[in-house]
Amino acid sequence: MKEKLIYGIQQIGIGVKNADIAFKWYATKLGADALIFDDSNEATYMAKYMGGKPRKKELY
């Protein structure tokens, strides 16, 4: 059996204008092609870091 390559995932948020284009770039340039999280709800827990109000996770 092959040794595991990934043992866990720590999600980070990176603000981009177009998530689809960014995903393709990360997949081709960095080999990171696993979609872990895709959500368009409001980011309520991060409001205190975003001017005190929740913001949509996707702008389009």
C-alpha atoms as a PDB file:
ATOM      1  CA  MET A   1       0.000   0.000   0.000  1.00  0.00           C
ATOM      2  CA  LYS A   2       1.249   3.480  -0.844  1.00  0.00           C
ATOM      3  CA  GLU A   3       1.961   5.937   1.923  1.00  0.00           C
ATOM      4  CA  LYS A   4      -0.691   8.651   2.341  1.00  0.00           C
ATOM      5  CA  LEU A   5       0.099  11.945   0.660  1.00  0.00           C
ATOM      6  CA  ILE A   6      -2.486  14.054   2.502  1.00  0.00           C
ATOM      7  CA  TYR A   7      -3.319  13.549   6.166  1.00  0.00           C
ATOM      8  CA  GLY A   8      -5.511  16.610   6.715  1.00  0.00           C
ATOM      9  CA  ILE A   9      -6.662  19.859   5.180  1.00  0.00           C
ATOM     10  CA  GLN A  10      -6.535  23.333   6.702  1.00  0.00           C
ATOM     11  CA  GLN A  11      -8.733  25.687   4.738  1.00  0.00           C
ATOM     12  CA  ILE A  12      -7.659  29.250   4.039  1.00  0.00           C
ATOM     13  CA  GLY A  13      -9.599  31.944   2.268  1.00  0.00           C
ATOM     14  CA  ILE A  14      -8.039  33.766  -0.649  1.00  0.00           C
ATOM     15  CA  GLY A  15     -10.096  36.579  -2.155  1.00  0.00           C
ATOM     16  CA  VAL A  16     -10.199  36.464  -5.956  1.00  0.00           C
ATOM     17  CA  LYS A  17     -12.440  38.168  -8.509  1.00  0.00           C
ATOM     18  CA  ASN A  18     -13.364  34.947 -10.333  1.00  0.00           C
ATOM     19  CA  ALA A  19     -13.225  31.672  -8.383  1.00  0.00           C
ATOM     20  CA  ASP A  20     -13.589  29.485 -11.482  1.00  0.00           C
ATOM     21  CA  ILE A  21     -10.572  31.041 -13.192  1.00  0.00           C
ATOM     22  CA  ALA A  22      -8.562  30.945  -9.950  1.00  0.00           C
ATOM     23  CA  PHE A  23      -9.395  27.247  -9.426  1.00  0.00           C
ATOM     24  CA  LYS A  24      -8.168  26.421 -12.945  1.00  0.00           C
ATOM     25  CA  TRP A  25      -4.962  28.403 -12.335  1.00  0.00           C
ATOM     26  CA  TYR A  26      -4.249  26.614  -9.029  1.00  0.00           C
ATOM     27  CA  ALA A  27      -4.949  23.262 -10.707  1.00  0.00           C
ATOM     28  CA  THR A  28      -2.633  23.833 -13.669  1.00  0.00           C
ATOM     29  CA  LYS A  29       0.162  25.771 -11.946  1.00  0.00           C
ATOM     30  CA  LEU A  30       0.225  24.127  -8.509  1.00  0.00           C
ATOM     31  CA  GLY A  31      -1.508  20.793  -9.075  1.00  0.00           C
ATOM     32  CA  ALA A  32      -4.148  21.734  -6.471  1.00  0.00           C
ATOM     33  CA  ASP A  33      -7.263  20.458  -8.201  1.00  0.00           C
ATOM     34  CA  ALA A  34      -9.399  19.196  -5.296  1.00  0.00           C
ATOM     35  CA  LEU A  35     -12.465  21.356  -4.684  1.00  0.00           C
ATOM     36  CA  ILE A  36     -12.805  21.194  -0.902  1.00  0.00           C
ATOM     37  CA  PHE A  37     -15.319  23.915  -0.153  1.00  0.00           C
ATOM     38  CA  ASP A  38     -17.772  25.747  -2.404  1.00  0.00           C
ATOM     39  CA  ASP A  39     -20.353  27.924  -0.687  1.00  0.00           C
ATOM     40  CA  SER A  40     -22.139  31.150  -1.598  1.00  0.00           C
ATOM     41  CA  ASN A  41     -23.750  31.906   1.781  1.00  0.00           C
ATOM     42  CA  GLU A  42     -22.846  34.920   3.897  1.00  0.00           C
ATOM     43  CA  ALA A  43     -19.670  34.713   5.976  1.00  0.00           C
ATOM     44  CA  THR A  44     -21.286  35.572   9.317  1.00  0.00           C
ATOM     45  CA  TYR A  45     -18.495  34.235  11.567  1.00  0.00           C
ATOM     46  CA  MET A  46     -15.908  36.453   9.863  1.00  0.00           C
ATOM     47  CA  ALA A  47     -17.967  39.667  10.089  1.00  0.00           C
ATOM     48  CA  LYS A  48     -15.751  41.168  12.790  1.00  0.00           C
ATOM     49  CA  TYR A  49     -12.831  40.967  10.349  1.00  0.00           C
ATOM     50  CA  MET A  50     -14.810  42.417   7.420  1.00  0.00           C
ATOM     51  CA  GLY A  51     -15.960  45.797   8.629  1.00  0.00           C
ATOM     52  CA  GLY A  52     -18.418  44.479  11.214  1.00  0.00           C
ATOM     53  CA  LYS A  53     -20.971  43.011   8.805  1.00  0.00           C
ATOM     54  CA  PRO A  54     -21.351  39.672   7.053  1.00  0.00           C
ATOM     55  CA  ARG A  55     -20.419  39.493   3.366  1.00  0.00           C
ATOM     56  CA  LYS A  56     -21.330  37.040   0.656  1.00  0.00           C
ATOM     57  CA  LYS A  57     -18.639  34.458   0.014  1.00  0.00           C
ATOM     58  CA  GLU A  58     -19.211  34.690  -3.732  1.00  0.00           C
ATOM     59  CA  LEU A  59     -19.840  38.007  -5.430  1.00  0.00           C
ATOM     60  CA  TYR A  60     -21.231  36.652  -8.690  1.00  0.00           C
END
